[in-house]
Amino acid sequence: MSRERARRRAEREAEQARDRAVRQRRVARRQRRRAVVRRLTPRLRRGRSGRLARHTRGERAAIVLLTGAALILIWTFVDDLALRVALVVLLLLVLPAIVVIALDRRT
């Protein structure tokens, strides 16, 4: 009787060992596949980059809205087309300096 139980226990343990080995091979294969996919897929850069990256969303909105308001004022109150174009070009050239002076965080 005890030999029969020992034989069944040995069979059970052998079966569990085979299942464990199969599971480990699957996990290892899945990890290798994920590593290859991770290596091959390009990484998306999170966050902002570029010149406007230093400014918050509100600051960027203020820059755009104030520039738009200045353009509307130029086109509304200036009659001469050449002067309008010259003022718009001047505004666009001076805009980066205005942004740095107004919003620069360095002290």
Protein backbone atom coordinates (compact mmCIF):
# COMPACT_ATOMS: atom_id res chain seq x y z
CA MET A 1 0.00 0.00 0.00
CA SER A 2 2.70 2.49 0.94
CA ARG A 3 4.68 1.58 -2.20
CA GLU A 4 1.62 2.40 -4.28
CA ARG A 5 1.23 5.79 -2.55
CA ALA A 6 4.94 6.51 -2.99
CA ARG A 7 4.70 5.62 -6.68
CA ARG A 8 1.66 7.89 -7.15
CA ARG A 9 3.38 10.72 -5.24
CA ALA A 10 6.46 10.32 -7.44
CA GLU A 11 4.27 10.44 -10.57
CA ARG A 12 2.50 13.54 -9.22
CA GLU A 13 5.79 15.25 -8.43
CA ALA A 14 7.20 14.35 -11.86
CA GLU A 15 4.06 15.77 -13.49
CA GLN A 16 4.34 18.96 -11.42
CA ALA A 17 8.01 19.28 -12.35
CA ARG A 18 7.14 18.95 -16.06
CA ASP A 19 4.37 21.55 -15.71
CA ARG A 20 6.73 23.87 -13.86
CA ALA A 21 9.38 23.48 -16.58
CA VAL A 22 6.82 24.21 -19.33
CA ARG A 23 5.57 27.26 -17.44
CA GLN A 24 9.13 28.54 -16.93
CA ARG A 25 9.90 28.12 -20.64
CA ARG A 26 6.74 30.05 -21.54
CA VAL A 27 7.58 32.85 -19.12
CA ALA A 28 11.16 33.03 -20.40
CA ARG A 29 9.95 33.11 -24.02
CA ARG A 30 7.43 35.84 -23.20
CA GLN A 31 10.11 37.91 -21.44
CA ARG A 32 12.51 37.55 -24.37
CA ARG A 33 9.77 38.55 -26.80
CA ARG A 34 8.88 41.58 -24.70
CA ALA A 35 12.53 42.58 -24.49
CA VAL A 36 12.88 42.38 -28.28
CA VAL A 37 9.70 44.38 -28.82
CA ARG A 38 10.81 46.95 -26.26
CA ARG A 39 14.17 47.27 -28.02
CA LEU A 40 12.62 47.62 -31.48
CA THR A 41 9.80 50.04 -30.71
CA PRO A 42 10.83 53.70 -30.75
CA ARG A 43 10.50 55.53 -27.48
CA LEU A 44 8.12 58.43 -27.42
CA ARG A 45 9.45 61.38 -25.55
CA ARG A 46 7.01 62.43 -22.93
CA GLY A 47 6.74 66.06 -22.02
CA ARG A 48 7.47 69.17 -23.96
CA SER A 49 10.54 70.04 -25.95
CA GLY A 50 11.55 73.09 -27.90
CA ARG A 51 11.59 76.79 -27.26
CA LEU A 52 8.17 77.00 -25.64
CA ALA A 53 8.83 74.04 -23.34
CA ARG A 54 9.93 76.30 -20.53
CA HIS A 55 6.56 78.01 -20.31
CA THR A 56 3.39 76.71 -18.74
CA ARG A 57 0.22 76.22 -20.74
CA GLY A 58 -1.19 79.48 -19.38
CA GLU A 59 1.92 81.42 -20.34
CA ARG A 60 1.85 80.00 -23.86
CA ALA A 61 -1.85 80.88 -24.15
CA ALA A 62 -1.11 84.41 -22.97
CA ILE A 63 1.71 84.75 -25.54
CA VAL A 64 -0.58 83.63 -28.36
CA LEU A 65 -3.57 85.71 -27.24
CA LEU A 66 -1.58 88.90 -26.70
CA THR A 67 0.18 88.48 -30.04
CA GLY A 68 -3.17 87.93 -31.73
CA ALA A 69 -4.61 90.99 -30.00
CA ALA A 70 -1.64 93.08 -31.13
CA LEU A 71 -2.10 91.86 -34.71
CA ILE A 72 -5.81 92.71 -34.61
CA LEU A 73 -5.03 96.17 -33.23
CA ILE A 74 -2.42 96.77 -35.94
CA TRP A 75 -4.81 95.72 -38.72
CA THR A 76 -7.66 97.72 -37.18
CA PHE A 77 -6.02 101.07 -36.44
CA VAL A 78 -3.32 101.35 -39.13
CA ASP A 79 -4.58 102.33 -42.57
CA ASP A 80 -1.49 102.02 -44.74
CA LEU A 81 -0.85 98.45 -45.91
CA ALA A 82 2.93 98.84 -46.05
CA LEU A 83 2.98 100.17 -42.48
CA ARG A 84 0.72 97.28 -41.35
CA VAL A 85 3.08 94.71 -42.85
CA ALA A 86 6.11 96.48 -41.39
CA LEU A 87 4.53 96.55 -37.91
CA VAL A 88 3.57 92.87 -38.11
CA VAL A 89 7.11 91.92 -39.15
CA LEU A 90 8.54 94.09 -36.37
CA LEU A 91 6.18 92.50 -33.84
CA LEU A 92 7.20 89.01 -34.91
CA LEU A 93 10.89 89.93 -34.75
CA VAL A 94 10.61 91.53 -31.31
CA LEU A 95 8.23 88.92 -29.85
CA PRO A 96 10.94 86.53 -28.58
CA ALA A 97 12.69 89.37 -26.76
CA ILE A 98 9.41 90.49 -25.20
CA VAL A 99 8.67 86.93 -24.05
CA VAL A 100 12.13 86.57 -22.51
CA ILE A 101 11.88 89.92 -20.75
CA ALA A 102 8.35 89.31 -19.49
CA LEU A 103 8.48 85.61 -18.60
CA ASP A 104 12.10 84.77 -17.93
CA ARG A 105 12.43 82.96 -14.58
CA ARG A 106 16.10 83.64 -14.05
CA THR A 107 16.84 86.16 -11.32
